[in-house]
C-alpha atoms as a PDB file:
ATOM      1  CA  MET A   1      -0.046  -0.041  -0.024  1.00  0.00           C
ATOM      2  CA  THR A   2       1.251   3.517  -0.749  1.00  0.00           C
ATOM      3  CA  VAL A   3       0.370   5.108   2.341  1.00  0.00           C
ATOM      4  CA  ILE A   4       2.561   3.818   5.202  1.00  0.00           C
ATOM      5  CA  ASP A   5       1.565   6.193   8.083  1.00  0.00           C
ATOM      6  CA  VAL A   6      -0.967   8.730   9.077  1.00  0.00           C
ATOM      7  CA  GLN A   7      -0.531  10.771  12.145  1.00  0.00           C
ATOM      8  CA  LYS A   8      -3.140  13.105  13.693  1.00  0.00           C
ATOM      9  CA  ASP A   9      -1.519  15.469  16.201  1.00  0.00           C
ATOM     10  CA  THR A  10      -4.229  17.327  18.155  1.00  0.00           C
ATOM     11  CA  THR A  11      -1.545  19.444  19.863  1.00  0.00           C
ATOM     12  CA  ALA A  12       0.242  20.618  16.757  1.00  0.00           C
ATOM     13  CA  LEU A  13      -3.083  20.764  14.890  1.00  0.00           C
ATOM     14  CA  THR A  14      -1.720  18.522  12.062  1.00  0.00           C
ATOM     15  CA  LEU A  15      -2.628  15.662   9.915  1.00  0.00           C
ATOM     16  CA  THR A  16       0.362  13.916   8.312  1.00  0.00           C
ATOM     17  CA  PHE A  17       0.359  11.430   5.576  1.00  0.00           C
ATOM     18  CA  VAL A  18       3.533   9.472   4.532  1.00  0.00           C
ATOM     19  CA  ALA A  19       3.585   7.540   1.471  1.00  0.00           C
ATOM     20  CA  GLU A  20       6.294   5.626  -0.433  1.00  0.00           C
ATOM     21  CA  PHE A  21       6.488   5.284  -4.248  1.00  0.00           C
ATOM     22  CA  ASP A  22       8.375   2.984  -6.457  1.00  0.00           C
ATOM     23  CA  ALA A  23       9.567   6.002  -8.588  1.00  0.00           C
ATOM     24  CA  PRO A  24      12.281   8.530  -8.347  1.00  0.00           C
ATOM     25  CA  VAL A  25      11.646  11.971  -7.096  1.00  0.00           C
ATOM     26  CA  ASP A  26      11.266  13.750 -10.307  1.00  0.00           C
ATOM     27  CA  ARG A  27       8.497  11.241 -11.421  1.00  0.00           C
ATOM     28  CA  VAL A  28       6.619  11.571  -8.202  1.00  0.00           C
ATOM     29  CA  TRP A  29       6.884  15.262  -8.579  1.00  0.00           C
ATOM     30  CA  GLN A  30       4.955  15.091 -11.827  1.00  0.00           C
ATOM     31  CA  LEU A  31       2.095  13.777  -9.775  1.00  0.00           C
ATOM     32  CA  TRP A  32       1.604  17.342  -8.535  1.00  0.00           C
ATOM     33  CA  ALA A  33       3.266  19.484 -11.535  1.00  0.00           C
ATOM     34  CA  ASP A  34       0.929  17.904 -14.367  1.00  0.00           C
ATOM     35  CA  PRO A  35      -2.590  18.713 -13.739  1.00  0.00           C
ATOM     36  CA  ARG A  36      -3.735  15.758 -15.796  1.00  0.00           C
ATOM     37  CA  LYS A  37      -1.879  13.351 -13.597  1.00  0.00           C
ATOM     38  CA  LEU A  38      -3.052  15.211 -10.456  1.00  0.00           C
ATOM     39  CA  GLU A  39      -6.571  14.972 -11.315  1.00  0.00           C
ATOM     40  CA  ARG A  40      -6.402  11.238 -11.689  1.00  0.00           C
ATOM     41  CA  TRP A  41      -5.367  10.837  -8.044  1.00  0.00           C
ATOM     42  CA  TRP A  42      -6.516  13.992  -6.235  1.00  0.00           C
ATOM     43  CA  GLY A  43      -9.629  12.775  -4.521  1.00  0.00           C
ATOM     44  CA  PRO A  44     -10.942   9.313  -3.725  1.00  0.00           C
ATOM     45  CA  PRO A  45     -11.778   6.994  -6.690  1.00  0.00           C
ATOM     46  CA  GLU A  46     -15.623   7.785  -6.324  1.00  0.00           C
ATOM     47  CA  TRP A  47     -14.908  11.564  -6.395  1.00  0.00           C
ATOM     48  CA  PRO A  48     -12.645  12.222  -9.421  1.00  0.00           C
ATOM     49  CA  ALA A  49     -11.159  15.631  -9.650  1.00  0.00           C
ATOM     50  CA  THR A  50     -11.120  18.147 -12.532  1.00  0.00           C
ATOM     51  CA  PHE A  51      -8.428  20.898 -12.460  1.00  0.00           C
ATOM     52  CA  THR A  52      -9.405  24.017 -14.408  1.00  0.00           C
ATOM     53  CA  ARG A  53      -6.539  26.162 -13.249  1.00  0.00           C
ATOM     54  CA  HIS A  54      -3.007  24.994 -12.237  1.00  0.00           C
ATOM     55  CA  GLU A  55      -0.408  27.629 -11.590  1.00  0.00           C
ATOM     56  CA  LEU A  56       2.272  25.867  -9.729  1.00  0.00           C
ATOM     57  CA  HIS A  57       4.543  28.767  -8.770  1.00  0.00           C
ATOM     58  CA  GLU A  58       4.561  30.875  -5.593  1.00  0.00           C
ATOM     59  CA  GLY A  59       1.602  33.007  -5.491  1.00  0.00           C
ATOM     60  CA  GLY A  60      -0.214  30.785  -8.126  1.00  0.00           C
ATOM     61  CA  THR A  61      -3.657  29.708  -8.106  1.00  0.00           C
ATOM     62  CA  VAL A  62      -4.940  26.144  -8.491  1.00  0.00           C
ATOM     63  CA  ASN A  63      -8.693  25.600  -8.917  1.00  0.00           C
ATOM     64  CA  TYR A  64     -10.418  22.398  -9.063  1.00  0.00           C
ATOM     65  CA  HIS A  65     -13.702  20.439  -8.391  1.00  0.00           C
ATOM     66  CA  MET A  66     -14.553  16.743  -7.633  1.00  0.00           C
ATOM     67  CA  THR A  67     -17.607  15.191  -8.849  1.00  0.00           C
ATOM     68  CA  GLY A  68     -19.404  12.588  -6.758  1.00  0.00           C
ATOM     69  CA  PRO A  69     -21.194   9.445  -7.786  1.00  0.00           C
ATOM     70  CA  ASP A  70     -24.603  11.337  -7.800  1.00  0.00           C
ATOM     71  CA  GLY A  71     -23.245  14.177  -9.908  1.00  0.00           C
ATOM     72  CA  THR A  72     -22.620  16.428  -6.889  1.00  0.00           C
ATOM     73  CA  ILE A  73     -19.814  19.013  -7.490  1.00  0.00           C
ATOM     74  CA  ALA A  74     -17.571  19.878  -4.680  1.00  0.00           C
ATOM     75  CA  GLY A  75     -15.201  22.873  -5.451  1.00  0.00           C
ATOM     76  CA  GLY A  76     -11.678  23.443  -4.120  1.00  0.00           C
ATOM     77  CA  TRP A  77      -8.914  25.851  -4.486  1.00  0.00           C
ATOM     78  CA  TRP A  78      -5.275  26.322  -3.636  1.00  0.00           C
ATOM     79  CA  THR A  79      -2.939  29.319  -3.173  1.00  0.00           C
ATOM     80  CA  VAL A  80       0.625  28.279  -3.800  1.00  0.00           C
ATOM     81  CA  THR A  81       2.758  29.641  -1.057  1.00  0.00           C
ATOM     82  CA  ALA A  82       6.246  28.039  -1.926  1.00  0.00           C
ATOM     83  CA  VAL A  83       7.734  25.720  -4.566  1.00  0.00           C
ATOM     84  CA  ASP A  84      11.110  24.145  -4.564  1.00  0.00           C
ATOM     85  CA  ALA A  85      10.759  21.623  -7.471  1.00  0.00           C
ATOM     86  CA  PRO A  86      10.943  18.683  -7.313  1.00  0.00           C
ATOM     87  CA  ARG A  87      11.433  18.664  -3.410  1.00  0.00           C
ATOM     88  CA  MET A  88       8.750  20.769  -1.857  1.00  0.00           C
ATOM     89  CA  LEU A  89       5.389  22.182  -2.446  1.00  0.00           C
ATOM     90  CA  ALA A  90       3.427  24.428   0.049  1.00  0.00           C
ATOM     91  CA  PHE A  91      -0.192  25.701  -0.458  1.00  0.00           C
ATOM     92  CA  ASP A  92      -3.316  27.067   1.358  1.00  0.00           C
ATOM     93  CA  ASP A  93      -6.194  24.811   0.560  1.00  0.00           C
ATOM     94  CA  GLY A  94      -9.845  25.562   0.687  1.00  0.00           C
ATOM     95  CA  PHE A  95     -13.394  24.868  -0.178  1.00  0.00           C
ATOM     96  CA  ALA A  96     -14.863  26.745  -3.288  1.00  0.00           C
ATOM     97  CA  ASP A  97     -18.430  27.989  -3.732  1.00  0.00           C
ATOM     98  CA  ASP A  98     -20.465  27.334  -6.792  1.00  0.00           C
ATOM     99  CA  ASP A  99     -18.681  30.123  -8.761  1.00  0.00           C
ATOM    100  CA  GLY A 100     -15.368  28.621  -7.998  1.00  0.00           C
ATOM    101  CA  GLN A 101     -14.503  31.434  -5.316  1.00  0.00           C
ATOM    102  CA  PRO A 102     -13.224  30.608  -1.755  1.00  0.00           C
ATOM    103  CA  HIS A 103     -16.259  29.693   0.238  1.00  0.00           C
ATOM    104  CA  PRO A 104     -16.540  32.171   3.110  1.00  0.00           C
ATOM    105  CA  ASP A 105     -17.978  29.770   5.560  1.00  0.00           C
ATOM    106  CA  MET A 106     -15.579  26.920   5.048  1.00  0.00           C
ATOM    107  CA  PRO A 107     -12.151  26.548   6.693  1.00  0.00           C
ATOM    108  CA  VAL A 108      -8.757  26.822   5.020  1.00  0.00           C
ATOM    109  CA  THR A 109      -5.850  24.660   5.893  1.00  0.00           C
ATOM    110  CA  SER A 110      -2.116  24.776   5.017  1.00  0.00           C
ATOM    111  CA  ALA A 111      -0.392  21.980   3.448  1.00  0.00           C
ATOM    112  CA  VAL A 112       3.332  21.184   2.978  1.00  0.00           C
ATOM    113  CA  VAL A 113       4.303  18.280   0.584  1.00  0.00           C
ATOM    114  CA  THR A 114       7.948  17.040   0.829  1.00  0.00           C
ATOM    115  CA  LEU A 115       9.487  14.419  -1.495  1.00  0.00           C
ATOM    116  CA  GLU A 116      12.790  12.522  -0.732  1.00  0.00           C
ATOM    117  CA  PRO A 117      14.659   9.640  -2.116  1.00  0.00           C
ATOM    118  CA  VAL A 118      14.580   6.800   0.280  1.00  0.00           C
ATOM    119  CA  VAL A 119      16.627   4.442  -1.712  1.00  0.00           C
ATOM    120  CA  GLU A 120      17.583   4.388  -5.516  1.00  0.00           C
ATOM    121  CA  GLY A 121      14.380   4.671  -7.386  1.00  0.00           C
ATOM    122  CA  ARG A 122      12.052   5.004  -4.343  1.00  0.00           C
ATOM    123  CA  THR A 123      10.479   8.225  -3.050  1.00  0.00           C
ATOM    124  CA  ARG A 124       8.857   9.224   0.241  1.00  0.00           C
ATOM    125  CA  GLN A 125       6.216  11.763   0.168  1.00  0.00           C
ATOM    126  CA  THR A 126       5.090  13.607   3.398  1.00  0.00           C
ATOM    127  CA  LEU A 127       2.122  15.595   3.281  1.00  0.00           C
ATOM    128  CA  VAL A 128       1.392  17.606   6.353  1.00  0.00           C
ATOM    129  CA  SER A 129      -1.827  19.668   6.619  1.00  0.00           C
ATOM    130  CA  THR A 130      -2.022  22.118   9.424  1.00  0.00           C
ATOM    131  CA  PHE A 131      -5.560  23.244  10.716  1.00  0.00           C
ATOM    132  CA  PRO A 132      -6.403  26.703  12.181  1.00  0.00           C
ATOM    133  CA  SER A 133      -8.079  25.154  15.194  1.00  0.00           C
ATOM    134  CA  LEU A 134      -8.822  21.684  16.820  1.00  0.00           C
ATOM    135  CA  GLU A 135     -12.385  22.107  15.887  1.00  0.00           C
ATOM    136  CA  VAL A 136     -11.531  22.347  12.120  1.00  0.00           C
ATOM    137  CA  LEU A 137      -9.164  19.437  12.317  1.00  0.00           C
ATOM    138  CA  GLU A 138     -12.076  17.403  13.883  1.00  0.00           C
ATOM    139  CA  GLN A 139     -14.648  18.832  11.336  1.00  0.00           C
ATOM    140  CA  LEU A 140     -12.520  17.862   8.342  1.00  0.00           C
ATOM    141  CA  VAL A 141     -11.522  14.458   9.644  1.00  0.00           C
ATOM    142  CA  GLY A 142     -15.337  13.961  10.341  1.00  0.00           C
ATOM    143  CA  MET A 143     -15.967  14.917   6.720  1.00  0.00           C
ATOM    144  CA  GLY A 144     -13.724  12.000   5.572  1.00  0.00           C
ATOM    145  CA  MET A 145     -10.434  13.916   4.930  1.00  0.00           C
ATOM    146  CA  GLU A 146      -8.278  10.953   6.428  1.00  0.00           C
ATOM    147  CA  GLU A 147     -10.047   8.190   4.543  1.00  0.00           C
ATOM    148  CA  GLY A 148     -10.267  10.181   1.389  1.00  0.00           C
ATOM    149  CA  MET A 149      -6.530  11.133   1.223  1.00  0.00           C
ATOM    150  CA  ARG A 150      -5.667   7.443   2.005  1.00  0.00           C
ATOM    151  CA  GLN A 151      -7.827   6.320  -1.024  1.00  0.00           C
ATOM    152  CA  ALA A 152      -6.651   9.091  -3.114  1.00  0.00           C
ATOM    153  CA  MET A 153      -2.834   8.532  -2.561  1.00  0.00           C
ATOM    154  CA  SER A 154      -3.291   4.913  -3.372  1.00  0.00           C
ATOM    155  CA  GLN A 155      -4.324   5.716  -6.973  1.00  0.00           C
ATOM    156  CA  ALA A 156      -0.722   7.295  -7.538  1.00  0.00           C
ATOM    157  CA  ASP A 157       1.013   3.896  -7.913  1.00  0.00           C
ATOM    158  CA  ALA A 158      -0.858   3.029 -11.134  1.00  0.00           C
ATOM    159  CA  ILE A 159      -0.188   6.320 -12.599  1.00  0.00           C
ATOM    160  CA  LEU A 160       3.538   6.015 -11.985  1.00  0.00           C
ATOM    161  CA  ALA A 161       3.602   2.554 -13.341  1.00  0.00           C
ATOM    162  CA  GLU A 162       2.636   4.022 -16.623  1.00  0.00           C
ATOM    163  CA  GLY A 163       6.126   5.525 -16.999  1.00  0.00           C
END
């Protein structure tokens, strides 16, 4: 399985996912850098993503939506806060309203993704989401964030196997 560890830290207000992939760092980076690859794994299998804007540079904007099995659309956005390709990506992550704008009543989290070689041809990805409060952490975990991210990341192996 791709995800090897998940840690919820209610003191630090973080949810950390550690995954390992049988691919070098540069190839794993493409899972983030290529919006067509990103939309194949961002979101659980029954909620596929569509990325409509993908500016992967500091200050850039990423817009997407996920489509549920019943056709429900759930929008999201990122504001990219730092990029050190192919090793690190940081962004603020939030929910979008029906017009694709940040939803004023929904929380925003901060995420940092790091990629590091473990052994030749194998990469460890660590994604740390930081929440503004314990209530928001519990709210998003209650909405399925932990299980959804486990399912989402498990789709990456098939994409990387394509070469």
